[in-house]
Amino acid sequence: MITARAHLSGHQREAARKRTVRDCTVPPNLATRGSVITIDPKSLDLLLPFLDRNTLFRHHWGYRPILDSEPVAPSQRAVARKQEWERMLVRELEPELQGLWRDAKREGWLRPSAAFGIFPVQADGDELIVYDPVAFIEGARGTSLPVRSRFSFPRQPEDGSPRNKGRLCLADYFRPIESGEYDTAGFQVVTAGAIASQTAAKLQQNDAYDRGFKVHGLAATVAEAMAEFIQQRIQVAMGVPKGQGLRYSWGYLACPDIADQVKVLDLLPRANTELGIALTSGFQFDPDQTTAALVVHHPDAIYFAVLGGDAITDEAAD
């Protein structure tokens, strides 16, 4: 799949921003000194409300409702498959999850951890300037406020397609540098822990393929649950209303450049020094059940893709 970046002048970028994203109230808390949290295996139940069972069972474990004989009518097939899925949930999948969850708590192979922080930011066209939070807390402003990083995000091209009508770019959700005002963004790195990956690999090496496969799938789901848990912590710390804003992970179409994850680790060094999270030469995380994300507080934030006409053609051909 091909991504495209539209190159606009500063005037064009600001015009696009004004058309698509309104200014909103900036949260009261613009910066923190950063935090690290690890959930003890005995406290894993904290993540149960965030666990996406549908993704776990269908995507990671690969279960589907299969009927011995399917009704001819499509409406009847849909009802029969739903009933079979509900039966599987009660008799097979939930009991299997509960058993694996108990084992994880007892054996300690799930140790979800996170490093996260809130940073003062400003948008500069399609870029997000990230400033030093400690200096900001201590009162530095303007030219005396050190820049910690810059992220360049792609903008939807003006190609006439409905999907690109908004001409959106992630930088649009933050106050522009021309305003002279500071905004805020959350950054987080979360992991299910190295022990989960090691446990899954060891099980598969010992021919326990099914259990190893399910341990791996559960660890991936727990990493996503931890990401949502930390996102809520960040939003509470910012002081934004519950449910406002979104989390954008690198590698998806609004922020596709996974090389930017190097910058995220630079912003959150304790992810490496205390949690052991690192990047490979291909910018993949180690441990592999690890994700990095940008937390946006803007109430109008939506998920969107940045695709040009050639990408639409490629996507349709896949």
C-alpha atoms as a PDB file:
ATOM      1  CA  MET A   1       0.000   0.000   0.000  1.00  0.00           C
ATOM      2  CA  ILE A   2       1.381   3.409  -0.990  1.00  0.00           C
ATOM      3  CA  THR A   3       1.066   6.513   1.140  1.00  0.00           C
ATOM      4  CA  ALA A   4       1.240   9.984  -0.315  1.00  0.00           C
ATOM      5  CA  ARG A   5       2.196  13.284   1.265  1.00  0.00           C
ATOM      6  CA  ALA A   6       0.824  16.533  -0.068  1.00  0.00           C
ATOM      7  CA  HIS A   7       3.390  19.343  -0.124  1.00  0.00           C
ATOM      8  CA  LEU A   8       1.630  22.601   0.696  1.00  0.00           C
ATOM      9  CA  SER A   9       2.824  26.103   1.367  1.00  0.00           C
ATOM     10  CA  GLY A  10       2.435  27.482   4.887  1.00  0.00           C
ATOM     11  CA  HIS A  11      -0.556  29.550   3.743  1.00  0.00           C
ATOM     12  CA  GLN A  12      -2.191  26.490   2.137  1.00  0.00           C
ATOM     13  CA  ARG A  13      -1.611  24.366   5.236  1.00  0.00           C
ATOM     14  CA  GLU A  14      -3.154  26.971   7.515  1.00  0.00           C
ATOM     15  CA  ALA A  15      -6.107  27.380   5.132  1.00  0.00           C
ATOM     16  CA  ALA A  16      -6.647  23.623   5.128  1.00  0.00           C
ATOM     17  CA  ARG A  17      -6.469  23.554   8.911  1.00  0.00           C
ATOM     18  CA  LYS A  18      -9.056  26.321   9.291  1.00  0.00           C
ATOM     19  CA  ARG A  19     -11.426  24.489   6.960  1.00  0.00           C
ATOM     20  CA  THR A  20     -11.290  21.191   8.786  1.00  0.00           C
ATOM     21  CA  VAL A  21     -10.424  21.577  12.478  1.00  0.00           C
ATOM     22  CA  ARG A  22     -11.793  24.108  14.916  1.00  0.00           C
ATOM     23  CA  ASP A  23      -9.815  25.419  17.860  1.00  0.00           C
ATOM     24  CA  CYS A  24     -10.819  23.902  21.169  1.00  0.00           C
ATOM     25  CA  THR A  25     -10.178  24.605  24.833  1.00  0.00           C
ATOM     26  CA  VAL A  26      -6.657  23.605  25.792  1.00  0.00           C
ATOM     27  CA  PRO A  27      -6.574  21.258  28.815  1.00  0.00           C
ATOM     28  CA  PRO A  28      -5.390  22.731  32.121  1.00  0.00           C
ATOM     29  CA  ASN A  29      -2.364  20.447  32.470  1.00  0.00           C
ATOM     30  CA  LEU A  30       0.126  20.840  29.616  1.00  0.00           C
ATOM     31  CA  ALA A  31       3.136  18.929  30.949  1.00  0.00           C
ATOM     32  CA  THR A  32       4.260  16.215  33.356  1.00  0.00           C
ATOM     33  CA  ARG A  33       7.675  14.887  34.292  1.00  0.00           C
ATOM     34  CA  GLY A  34       6.818  11.439  32.910  1.00  0.00           C
ATOM     35  CA  SER A  35       5.828   8.197  34.576  1.00  0.00           C
ATOM     36  CA  VAL A  36       6.482   4.470  34.444  1.00  0.00           C
ATOM     37  CA  ILE A  37       4.002   1.868  35.589  1.00  0.00           C
ATOM     38  CA  THR A  38       4.096  -1.932  35.761  1.00  0.00           C
ATOM     39  CA  ILE A  39       1.034  -3.996  36.622  1.00  0.00           C
ATOM     40  CA  ASP A  40       1.860  -6.887  38.910  1.00  0.00           C
ATOM     41  CA  PRO A  41       0.560 -10.258  37.644  1.00  0.00           C
ATOM     42  CA  LYS A  42      -1.710 -10.519  40.685  1.00  0.00           C
ATOM     43  CA  SER A  43      -3.336  -7.216  39.667  1.00  0.00           C
ATOM     44  CA  LEU A  44      -4.004  -8.149  36.032  1.00  0.00           C
ATOM     45  CA  ASP A  45      -7.747  -7.891  36.595  1.00  0.00           C
ATOM     46  CA  LEU A  46      -7.290  -4.107  36.326  1.00  0.00           C
ATOM     47  CA  LEU A  47      -7.080  -4.651  32.566  1.00  0.00           C
ATOM     48  CA  LEU A  48     -10.098  -6.931  32.164  1.00  0.00           C
ATOM     49  CA  PRO A  49     -12.485  -4.022  31.378  1.00  0.00           C
ATOM     50  CA  PHE A  50     -10.154  -2.996  28.528  1.00  0.00           C
ATOM     51  CA  LEU A  51      -9.650  -6.475  27.051  1.00  0.00           C
ATOM     52  CA  ASP A  52     -11.057  -6.725  23.509  1.00  0.00           C
ATOM     53  CA  ARG A  53     -12.406 -10.258  23.570  1.00  0.00           C
ATOM     54  CA  ASN A  54     -13.747 -10.106  20.029  1.00  0.00           C
ATOM     55  CA  THR A  55     -10.292  -9.268  18.634  1.00  0.00           C
ATOM     56  CA  LEU A  56      -8.683 -11.915  20.838  1.00  0.00           C
ATOM     57  CA  PHE A  57     -11.050 -14.727  19.903  1.00  0.00           C
ATOM     58  CA  ARG A  58     -11.553 -13.933  16.227  1.00  0.00           C
ATOM     59  CA  HIS A  59      -8.304 -12.271  15.125  1.00  0.00           C
ATOM     60  CA  HIS A  60      -5.566 -13.576  17.422  1.00  0.00           C
ATOM     61  CA  TRP A  61      -6.999 -17.030  18.150  1.00  0.00           C
ATOM     62  CA  GLY A  62      -8.720 -17.411  14.791  1.00  0.00           C
ATOM     63  CA  TYR A  63     -12.088 -18.762  15.927  1.00  0.00           C
ATOM     64  CA  ARG A  64     -15.161 -18.609  13.684  1.00  0.00           C
ATOM     65  CA  PRO A  65     -18.648 -20.063  14.115  1.00  0.00           C
ATOM     66  CA  ILE A  66     -18.885 -23.173  11.913  1.00  0.00           C
ATOM     67  CA  LEU A  67     -22.217 -24.888  11.326  1.00  0.00           C
ATOM     68  CA  ASP A  68     -22.644 -28.590  10.519  1.00  0.00           C
ATOM     69  CA  SER A  69     -25.308 -27.623   7.992  1.00  0.00           C
ATOM     70  CA  GLU A  70     -26.129 -24.059   7.033  1.00  0.00           C
ATOM     71  CA  PRO A  71     -29.671 -22.829   6.349  1.00  0.00           C
ATOM     72  CA  VAL A  72     -30.330 -21.767   2.777  1.00  0.00           C
ATOM     73  CA  ALA A  73     -31.806 -18.342   3.564  1.00  0.00           C
ATOM     74  CA  PRO A  74     -29.127 -15.672   4.298  1.00  0.00           C
ATOM     75  CA  SER A  75     -31.109 -14.245   7.237  1.00  0.00           C
ATOM     76  CA  GLN A  76     -31.375 -17.703   8.799  1.00  0.00           C
ATOM     77  CA  ARG A  77     -27.646 -18.318   8.269  1.00  0.00           C
ATOM     78  CA  ALA A  78     -26.821 -15.080  10.089  1.00  0.00           C
ATOM     79  CA  VAL A  79     -29.044 -16.045  13.032  1.00  0.00           C
ATOM     80  CA  ALA A  80     -27.617 -19.578  13.155  1.00  0.00           C
ATOM     81  CA  ARG A  81     -24.018 -18.322  13.102  1.00  0.00           C
ATOM     82  CA  LYS A  82     -24.746 -15.796  15.844  1.00  0.00           C
ATOM     83  CA  GLN A  83     -26.291 -18.528  17.994  1.00  0.00           C
ATOM     84  CA  GLU A  84     -23.316 -20.818  17.374  1.00  0.00           C
ATOM     85  CA  TRP A  85     -20.887 -18.016  18.270  1.00  0.00           C
ATOM     86  CA  GLU A  86     -22.741 -17.323  21.513  1.00  0.00           C
ATOM     87  CA  ARG A  87     -22.583 -21.040  22.330  1.00  0.00           C
ATOM     88  CA  MET A  88     -18.823 -21.073  21.646  1.00  0.00           C
ATOM     89  CA  LEU A  89     -18.308 -18.034  23.860  1.00  0.00           C
ATOM     90  CA  VAL A  90     -20.047 -19.624  26.827  1.00  0.00           C
ATOM     91  CA  ARG A  91     -18.799 -23.205  26.476  1.00  0.00           C
ATOM     92  CA  GLU A  92     -15.341 -22.843  24.966  1.00  0.00           C
ATOM     93  CA  LEU A  93     -13.795 -19.409  24.599  1.00  0.00           C
ATOM     94  CA  GLU A  94     -14.565 -17.688  27.901  1.00  0.00           C
ATOM     95  CA  PRO A  95     -13.552 -20.775  29.943  1.00  0.00           C
ATOM     96  CA  GLU A  96     -10.312 -21.017  27.948  1.00  0.00           C
ATOM     97  CA  LEU A  97      -9.576 -17.326  28.490  1.00  0.00           C
ATOM     98  CA  GLN A  98     -10.311 -17.596  32.213  1.00  0.00           C
ATOM     99  CA  GLY A  99      -7.981 -20.582  32.533  1.00  0.00           C
ATOM    100  CA  LEU A 100      -5.159 -18.865  30.663  1.00  0.00           C
ATOM    101  CA  TRP A 101      -5.730 -15.683  32.683  1.00  0.00           C
ATOM    102  CA  ARG A 102      -5.399 -17.643  35.940  1.00  0.00           C
ATOM    103  CA  ASP A 103      -2.192 -19.233  34.664  1.00  0.00           C
ATOM    104  CA  ALA A 104      -0.770 -15.826  33.728  1.00  0.00           C
ATOM    105  CA  LYS A 105      -1.487 -14.475  37.205  1.00  0.00           C
ATOM    106  CA  ARG A 106      -0.017 -17.545  38.890  1.00  0.00           C
ATOM    107  CA  GLU A 107       3.020 -18.046  36.642  1.00  0.00           C
ATOM    108  CA  GLY A 108       3.762 -14.347  36.083  1.00  0.00           C
ATOM    109  CA  TRP A 109       4.323 -14.361  32.326  1.00  0.00           C
ATOM    110  CA  LEU A 110       2.140 -11.301  31.722  1.00  0.00           C
ATOM    111  CA  ARG A 111       3.747  -8.128  33.110  1.00  0.00           C
ATOM    112  CA  PRO A 112       2.209  -5.189  31.246  1.00  0.00           C
ATOM    113  CA  SER A 113       4.228  -2.005  31.626  1.00  0.00           C
ATOM    114  CA  ALA A 114       4.233   1.507  30.231  1.00  0.00           C
ATOM    115  CA  ALA A 115       6.221   4.710  30.055  1.00  0.00           C
ATOM    116  CA  PHE A 116       4.194   7.828  29.353  1.00  0.00           C
ATOM    117  CA  GLY A 117       4.190  11.582  29.660  1.00  0.00           C
ATOM    118  CA  ILE A 118       2.421  14.811  28.765  1.00  0.00           C
ATOM    119  CA  PHE A 119       4.369  17.315  26.681  1.00  0.00           C
ATOM    120  CA  PRO A 120       3.807  20.949  25.668  1.00  0.00           C
ATOM    121  CA  VAL A 121       3.487  21.156  21.887  1.00  0.00           C
ATOM    122  CA  GLN A 122       2.718  23.470  18.982  1.00  0.00           C
ATOM    123  CA  ALA A 123       1.850  22.727  15.368  1.00  0.00           C
ATOM    124  CA  ASP A 124       4.102  24.129  12.655  1.00  0.00           C
ATOM    125  CA  GLY A 125       2.331  23.386   9.391  1.00  0.00           C
ATOM    126  CA  ASP A 126       2.290  19.601   9.064  1.00  0.00           C
ATOM    127  CA  GLU A 127       4.784  19.196  11.900  1.00  0.00           C
ATOM    128  CA  LEU A 128       4.334  18.862  15.643  1.00  0.00           C
ATOM    129  CA  ILE A 129       6.957  20.578  17.776  1.00  0.00           C
ATOM    130  CA  VAL A 130       7.452  18.856  21.129  1.00  0.00           C
ATOM    131  CA  TYR A 131       8.996  20.953  23.898  1.00  0.00           C
ATOM    132  CA  ASP A 132      10.803  19.985  27.072  1.00  0.00           C
ATOM    133  CA  PRO A 133       8.172  19.368  29.775  1.00  0.00           C
ATOM    134  CA  VAL A 134      10.484  19.914  32.752  1.00  0.00           C
ATOM    135  CA  ALA A 135      11.645  23.302  31.451  1.00  0.00           C
ATOM    136  CA  PHE A 136       8.004  24.194  30.751  1.00  0.00           C
ATOM    137  CA  ILE A 137       6.985  23.245  34.304  1.00  0.00           C
ATOM    138  CA  GLU A 138       9.838  25.411  35.607  1.00  0.00           C
ATOM    139  CA  GLY A 139       8.529  28.410  33.657  1.00  0.00           C
ATOM    140  CA  ALA A 140      10.524  28.473  30.420  1.00  0.00           C
ATOM    141  CA  ARG A 141       8.675  29.904  27.421  1.00  0.00           C
ATOM    142  CA  GLY A 142       9.449  31.144  23.919  1.00  0.00           C
ATOM    143  CA  THR A 143      13.031  30.809  22.709  1.00  0.00           C
ATOM    144  CA  SER A 144      14.183  29.691  26.170  1.00  0.00           C
ATOM    145  CA  LEU A 145      11.972  26.574  25.964  1.00  0.00           C
ATOM    146  CA  PRO A 146      14.060  23.698  24.522  1.00  0.00           C
ATOM    147  CA  VAL A 147      12.654  21.663  21.636  1.00  0.00           C
ATOM    148  CA  ARG A 148      12.790  17.937  22.390  1.00  0.00           C
ATOM    149  CA  SER A 149      11.544  16.626  19.051  1.00  0.00           C
ATOM    150  CA  ARG A 150       9.665  17.284  15.805  1.00  0.00           C
ATOM    151  CA  PHE A 151       7.221  14.913  14.160  1.00  0.00           C
ATOM    152  CA  SER A 152       6.252  15.378  10.515  1.00  0.00           C
ATOM    153  CA  PHE A 153       2.838  13.943   9.632  1.00  0.00           C
ATOM    154  CA  PRO A 154       1.342  13.359   6.165  1.00  0.00           C
ATOM    155  CA  ARG A 155      -1.674  15.343   5.019  1.00  0.00           C
ATOM    156  CA  GLN A 156      -4.562  13.990   2.980  1.00  0.00           C
ATOM    157  CA  PRO A 157      -3.996  15.053  -0.644  1.00  0.00           C
ATOM    158  CA  GLU A 158      -6.393  17.195  -2.616  1.00  0.00           C
ATOM    159  CA  ASP A 159      -7.340  14.528  -5.165  1.00  0.00           C
ATOM    160  CA  GLY A 160     -11.125  14.882  -5.239  1.00  0.00           C
ATOM    161  CA  SER A 161     -11.765  11.547  -3.512  1.00  0.00           C
ATOM    162  CA  PRO A 162     -14.380  11.445  -0.714  1.00  0.00           C
ATOM    163  CA  ARG A 163     -11.936   9.855   1.722  1.00  0.00           C
ATOM    164  CA  ASN A 164      -9.578  12.847   1.441  1.00  0.00           C
ATOM    165  CA  LYS A 165     -12.257  15.537   1.545  1.00  0.00           C
ATOM    166  CA  GLY A 166     -11.162  16.772   4.976  1.00  0.00           C
ATOM    167  CA  ARG A 167      -7.492  17.294   3.914  1.00  0.00           C
ATOM    168  CA  LEU A 168      -6.622  16.200   7.451  1.00  0.00           C
ATOM    169  CA  CYS A 169      -3.226  15.990   9.126  1.00  0.00           C
ATOM    170  CA  LEU A 170      -2.585  15.052  12.762  1.00  0.00           C
ATOM    171  CA  ALA A 171      -0.871  18.398  13.329  1.00  0.00           C
ATOM    172  CA  ASP A 172      -4.233  20.091  12.699  1.00  0.00           C
ATOM    173  CA  TYR A 173      -5.447  18.985  16.131  1.00  0.00           C
ATOM    174  CA  PHE A 174      -2.974  21.248  17.963  1.00  0.00           C
ATOM    175  CA  ARG A 175      -2.586  25.015  18.396  1.00  0.00           C
ATOM    176  CA  PRO A 176      -0.351  26.486  15.670  1.00  0.00           C
ATOM    177  CA  ILE A 177       2.918  28.151  16.571  1.00  0.00           C
ATOM    178  CA  GLU A 178       1.612  31.393  15.028  1.00  0.00           C
ATOM    179  CA  SER A 179      -0.978  31.624  17.827  1.00  0.00           C
ATOM    180  CA  GLY A 180       1.721  32.049  20.455  1.00  0.00           C
ATOM    181  CA  GLU A 181      -0.188  29.534  22.626  1.00  0.00           C
ATOM    182  CA  TYR A 182       0.964  26.132  23.811  1.00  0.00           C
ATOM    183  CA  ASP A 183      -1.048  22.961  23.463  1.00  0.00           C
ATOM    184  CA  THR A 184      -0.484  19.514  24.936  1.00  0.00           C
ATOM    185  CA  ALA A 185      -0.005  15.953  23.696  1.00  0.00           C
ATOM    186  CA  GLY A 186       0.449  12.613  25.386  1.00  0.00           C
ATOM    187  CA  PHE A 187       3.072  10.084  24.354  1.00  0.00           C
ATOM    188  CA  GLN A 188       3.080   6.487  25.536  1.00  0.00           C
ATOM    189  CA  VAL A 189       4.949   3.232  25.032  1.00  0.00           C
ATOM    190  CA  VAL A 190       3.311   0.096  26.409  1.00  0.00           C
ATOM    191  CA  THR A 191       4.305  -3.561  26.416  1.00  0.00           C
ATOM    192  CA  ALA A 192       2.967  -6.905  27.574  1.00  0.00           C
ATOM    193  CA  GLY A 193       6.532  -7.717  28.631  1.00  0.00           C
ATOM    194  CA  ALA A 194       9.386  -9.858  27.351  1.00  0.00           C
ATOM    195  CA  ILE A 195       8.387 -12.869  29.458  1.00  0.00           C
ATOM    196  CA  ALA A 196       5.175 -13.311  27.456  1.00  0.00           C
ATOM    197  CA  SER A 197       7.119 -13.532  24.179  1.00  0.00           C
ATOM    198  CA  GLN A 198       9.641 -15.915  25.731  1.00  0.00           C
ATOM    199  CA  THR A 199       6.871 -18.101  27.160  1.00  0.00           C
ATOM    200  CA  ALA A 200       5.068 -18.342  23.812  1.00  0.00           C
ATOM    201  CA  ALA A 201       8.311 -19.172  21.979  1.00  0.00           C
ATOM    202  CA  LYS A 202       9.297 -21.827  24.519  1.00  0.00           C
ATOM    203  CA  LEU A 203       5.887 -23.505  24.312  1.00  0.00           C
ATOM    204  CA  GLN A 204       6.104 -23.696  20.528  1.00  0.00           C
ATOM    205  CA  GLN A 205       9.662 -25.065  20.705  1.00  0.00           C
ATOM    206  CA  ASN A 206       8.321 -27.806  22.991  1.00  0.00           C
ATOM    207  CA  ASP A 207       5.580 -28.678  20.469  1.00  0.00           C
ATOM    208  CA  ALA A 208       2.839 -27.039  22.553  1.00  0.00           C
ATOM    209  CA  TYR A 209       1.855 -25.053  19.476  1.00  0.00           C
ATOM    210  CA  ASP A 210      -1.754 -24.354  20.364  1.00  0.00           C
ATOM    211  CA  ARG A 211      -0.981 -23.047  23.836  1.00  0.00           C
ATOM    212  CA  GLY A 212       1.978 -21.016  22.566  1.00  0.00           C
ATOM    213  CA  PHE A 213      -0.222 -19.512  19.860  1.00  0.00           C
ATOM    214  CA  LYS A 214      -2.857 -18.554  22.421  1.00  0.00           C
ATOM    215  CA  VAL A 215      -0.334 -17.115  24.882  1.00  0.00           C
ATOM    216  CA  HIS A 216       1.034 -14.948  22.059  1.00  0.00           C
ATOM    217  CA  GLY A 217      -2.463 -13.803  21.076  1.00  0.00           C
ATOM    218  CA  LEU A 218      -3.417 -13.000  24.657  1.00  0.00           C
ATOM    219  CA  ALA A 219      -0.202 -11.009  25.142  1.00  0.00           C
ATOM    220  CA  ALA A 220      -0.958  -8.937  22.025  1.00  0.00           C
ATOM    221  CA  THR A 221      -4.478  -8.255  23.299  1.00  0.00           C
ATOM    222  CA  VAL A 222      -3.177  -7.317  26.751  1.00  0.00           C
ATOM    223  CA  ALA A 223      -0.747  -4.844  25.161  1.00  0.00           C
ATOM    224  CA  GLU A 224      -3.704  -3.124  23.476  1.00  0.00           C
ATOM    225  CA  ALA A 225      -5.677  -3.197  26.732  1.00  0.00           C
ATOM    226  CA  MET A 226      -2.715  -1.600  28.500  1.00  0.00           C
ATOM    227  CA  ALA A 227      -2.546   1.054  25.768  1.00  0.00           C
ATOM    228  CA  GLU A 228      -6.175   2.004  26.384  1.00  0.00           C
ATOM    229  CA  PHE A 229      -5.643   1.935  30.168  1.00  0.00           C
ATOM    230  CA  ILE A 230      -2.677   4.327  29.876  1.00  0.00           C
ATOM    231  CA  GLN A 231      -4.521   6.550  27.407  1.00  0.00           C
ATOM    232  CA  GLN A 232      -7.211   7.070  30.026  1.00  0.00           C
ATOM    233  CA  ARG A 233      -4.547   7.839  32.652  1.00  0.00           C
ATOM    234  CA  ILE A 234      -3.067  10.489  30.353  1.00  0.00           C
ATOM    235  CA  GLN A 235      -6.449  12.045  29.621  1.00  0.00           C
ATOM    236  CA  VAL A 236      -7.279  12.235  33.321  1.00  0.00           C
ATOM    237  CA  ALA A 237      -3.885  13.835  34.012  1.00  0.00           C
ATOM    238  CA  MET A 238      -4.485  16.363  31.229  1.00  0.00           C
ATOM    239  CA  GLY A 239      -7.852  17.233  32.702  1.00  0.00           C
ATOM    240  CA  VAL A 240      -9.924  16.498  29.592  1.00  0.00           C
ATOM    241  CA  PRO A 241     -13.471  15.090  29.835  1.00  0.00           C
ATOM    242  CA  LYS A 242     -13.843  11.321  29.835  1.00  0.00           C
ATOM    243  CA  GLY A 243     -14.083   9.905  26.335  1.00  0.00           C
ATOM    244  CA  GLN A 244     -12.627  12.972  24.609  1.00  0.00           C
ATOM    245  CA  GLY A 245      -9.774  12.516  22.151  1.00  0.00           C
ATOM    246  CA  LEU A 246      -8.115   9.553  20.472  1.00  0.00           C
ATOM    247  CA  ARG A 247      -4.936   7.492  20.474  1.00  0.00           C
ATOM    248  CA  TYR A 248      -2.912   7.189  17.242  1.00  0.00           C
ATOM    249  CA  SER A 249      -0.329   4.413  16.947  1.00  0.00           C
ATOM    250  CA  TRP A 250       2.629   4.579  14.583  1.00  0.00           C
ATOM    251  CA  GLY A 251       2.410   2.305  11.582  1.00  0.00           C
ATOM    252  CA  TYR A 252      -1.211   3.171  10.839  1.00  0.00           C
ATOM    253  CA  LEU A 253      -2.297   5.458   8.029  1.00  0.00           C
ATOM    254  CA  ALA A 254      -2.507   8.760   9.912  1.00  0.00           C
ATOM    255  CA  CYS A 255       1.104   8.368  11.140  1.00  0.00           C
ATOM    256  CA  PRO A 256       2.667   5.617   9.007  1.00  0.00           C
ATOM    257  CA  ASP A 257       6.380   6.279   9.587  1.00  0.00           C
ATOM    258  CA  ILE A 258       7.482   3.734  12.189  1.00  0.00           C
ATOM    259  CA  ALA A 259      10.958   5.310  12.201  1.00  0.00           C
ATOM    260  CA  ASP A 260       9.343   8.034  14.326  1.00  0.00           C
ATOM    261  CA  GLN A 261       9.209   5.495  17.148  1.00  0.00           C
ATOM    262  CA  VAL A 262      12.889   6.315  17.713  1.00  0.00           C
ATOM    263  CA  LYS A 263      11.793   9.836  18.650  1.00  0.00           C
ATOM    264  CA  VAL A 264       9.125   8.485  21.004  1.00  0.00           C
ATOM    265  CA  LEU A 265      11.733   6.431  22.874  1.00  0.00           C
ATOM    266  CA  ASP A 266      13.933   9.538  23.056  1.00  0.00           C
ATOM    267  CA  LEU A 267      11.022  11.414  24.655  1.00  0.00           C
ATOM    268  CA  LEU A 268      10.403   8.529  27.073  1.00  0.00           C
ATOM    269  CA  PRO A 269      13.901   7.175  27.888  1.00  0.00           C
ATOM    270  CA  ARG A 270      12.650   5.225  30.913  1.00  0.00           C
ATOM    271  CA  ALA A 271      10.886   2.883  28.484  1.00  0.00           C
ATOM    272  CA  ASN A 272      14.355   1.626  27.600  1.00  0.00           C
ATOM    273  CA  THR A 273      16.299   2.102  30.825  1.00  0.00           C
ATOM    274  CA  GLU A 274      13.649   0.724  33.194  1.00  0.00           C
ATOM    275  CA  LEU A 275      11.367  -1.428  31.029  1.00  0.00           C
ATOM    276  CA  GLY A 276      13.922  -2.782  28.557  1.00  0.00           C
ATOM    277  CA  ILE A 277      11.983  -1.691  25.470  1.00  0.00           C
ATOM    278  CA  ALA A 278      14.137  -1.235  22.371  1.00  0.00           C
ATOM    279  CA  LEU A 279      13.840  -0.951  18.591  1.00  0.00           C
ATOM    280  CA  THR A 280      15.368  -3.238  15.986  1.00  0.00           C
ATOM    281  CA  SER A 281      17.214  -1.931  12.926  1.00  0.00           C
ATOM    282  CA  GLY A 282      13.871  -2.164  11.100  1.00  0.00           C
ATOM    283  CA  PHE A 283      12.176   0.016  13.743  1.00  0.00           C
ATOM    284  CA  GLN A 284      10.171  -2.889  15.178  1.00  0.00           C
ATOM    285  CA  PHE A 285       9.747  -3.043  18.941  1.00  0.00           C
ATOM    286  CA  ASP A 286      11.410  -5.608  21.163  1.00  0.00           C
ATOM    287  CA  PRO A 287       9.512  -7.136  22.986  1.00  0.00           C
ATOM    288  CA  ASP A 288       7.205  -7.589  20.016  1.00  0.00           C
ATOM    289  CA  GLN A 289       3.952  -7.075  21.965  1.00  0.00           C
ATOM    290  CA  THR A 290       4.797  -3.376  22.336  1.00  0.00           C
ATOM    291  CA  THR A 291       3.142  -0.285  20.875  1.00  0.00           C
ATOM    292  CA  ALA A 292       3.811   3.461  20.848  1.00  0.00           C
ATOM    293  CA  ALA A 293       1.139   6.099  20.461  1.00  0.00           C
ATOM    294  CA  LEU A 294       0.308   9.788  20.394  1.00  0.00           C
ATOM    295  CA  VAL A 295      -2.663  10.800  22.564  1.00  0.00           C
ATOM    296  CA  VAL A 296      -4.692  13.669  21.081  1.00  0.00           C
ATOM    297  CA  HIS A 297      -7.136  15.543  23.323  1.00  0.00           C
ATOM    298  CA  HIS A 298      -9.061  17.424  20.602  1.00  0.00           C
ATOM    299  CA  PRO A 299     -12.824  16.668  20.782  1.00  0.00           C
ATOM    300  CA  ASP A 300     -13.109  16.537  16.970  1.00  0.00           C
ATOM    301  CA  ALA A 301     -10.298  14.004  16.528  1.00  0.00           C
ATOM    302  CA  ILE A 302     -11.203  11.150  14.189  1.00  0.00           C
ATOM    303  CA  TYR A 303      -9.372   8.196  12.680  1.00  0.00           C
ATOM    304  CA  PHE A 304      -8.465   8.837   9.059  1.00  0.00           C
ATOM    305  CA  ALA A 305      -6.193   7.518   6.331  1.00  0.00           C
ATOM    306  CA  VAL A 306      -3.738   9.450   4.200  1.00  0.00           C
ATOM    307  CA  LEU A 307      -3.956   7.851   0.765  1.00  0.00           C
ATOM    308  CA  GLY A 308      -3.488   9.156  -2.757  1.00  0.00           C
ATOM    309  CA  GLY A 309      -5.244   7.942  -5.868  1.00  0.00           C
ATOM    310  CA  ASP A 310      -2.517   5.349  -6.588  1.00  0.00           C
ATOM    311  CA  ALA A 311      -2.976   3.921  -3.082  1.00  0.00           C
ATOM    312  CA  ILE A 312      -6.715   3.625  -3.646  1.00  0.00           C
ATOM    313  CA  THR A 313      -6.025   1.642  -6.823  1.00  0.00           C
ATOM    314  CA  ASP A 314      -3.514  -0.599  -5.051  1.00  0.00           C
ATOM    315  CA  GLU A 315      -5.851  -1.118  -2.095  1.00  0.00           C
ATOM    316  CA  ALA A 316      -8.706  -2.125  -4.394  1.00  0.00           C
ATOM    317  CA  ALA A 317      -6.432  -4.610  -6.166  1.00  0.00           C
ATOM    318  CA  ASP A 318      -5.306  -6.367  -2.969  1.00  0.00           C
END
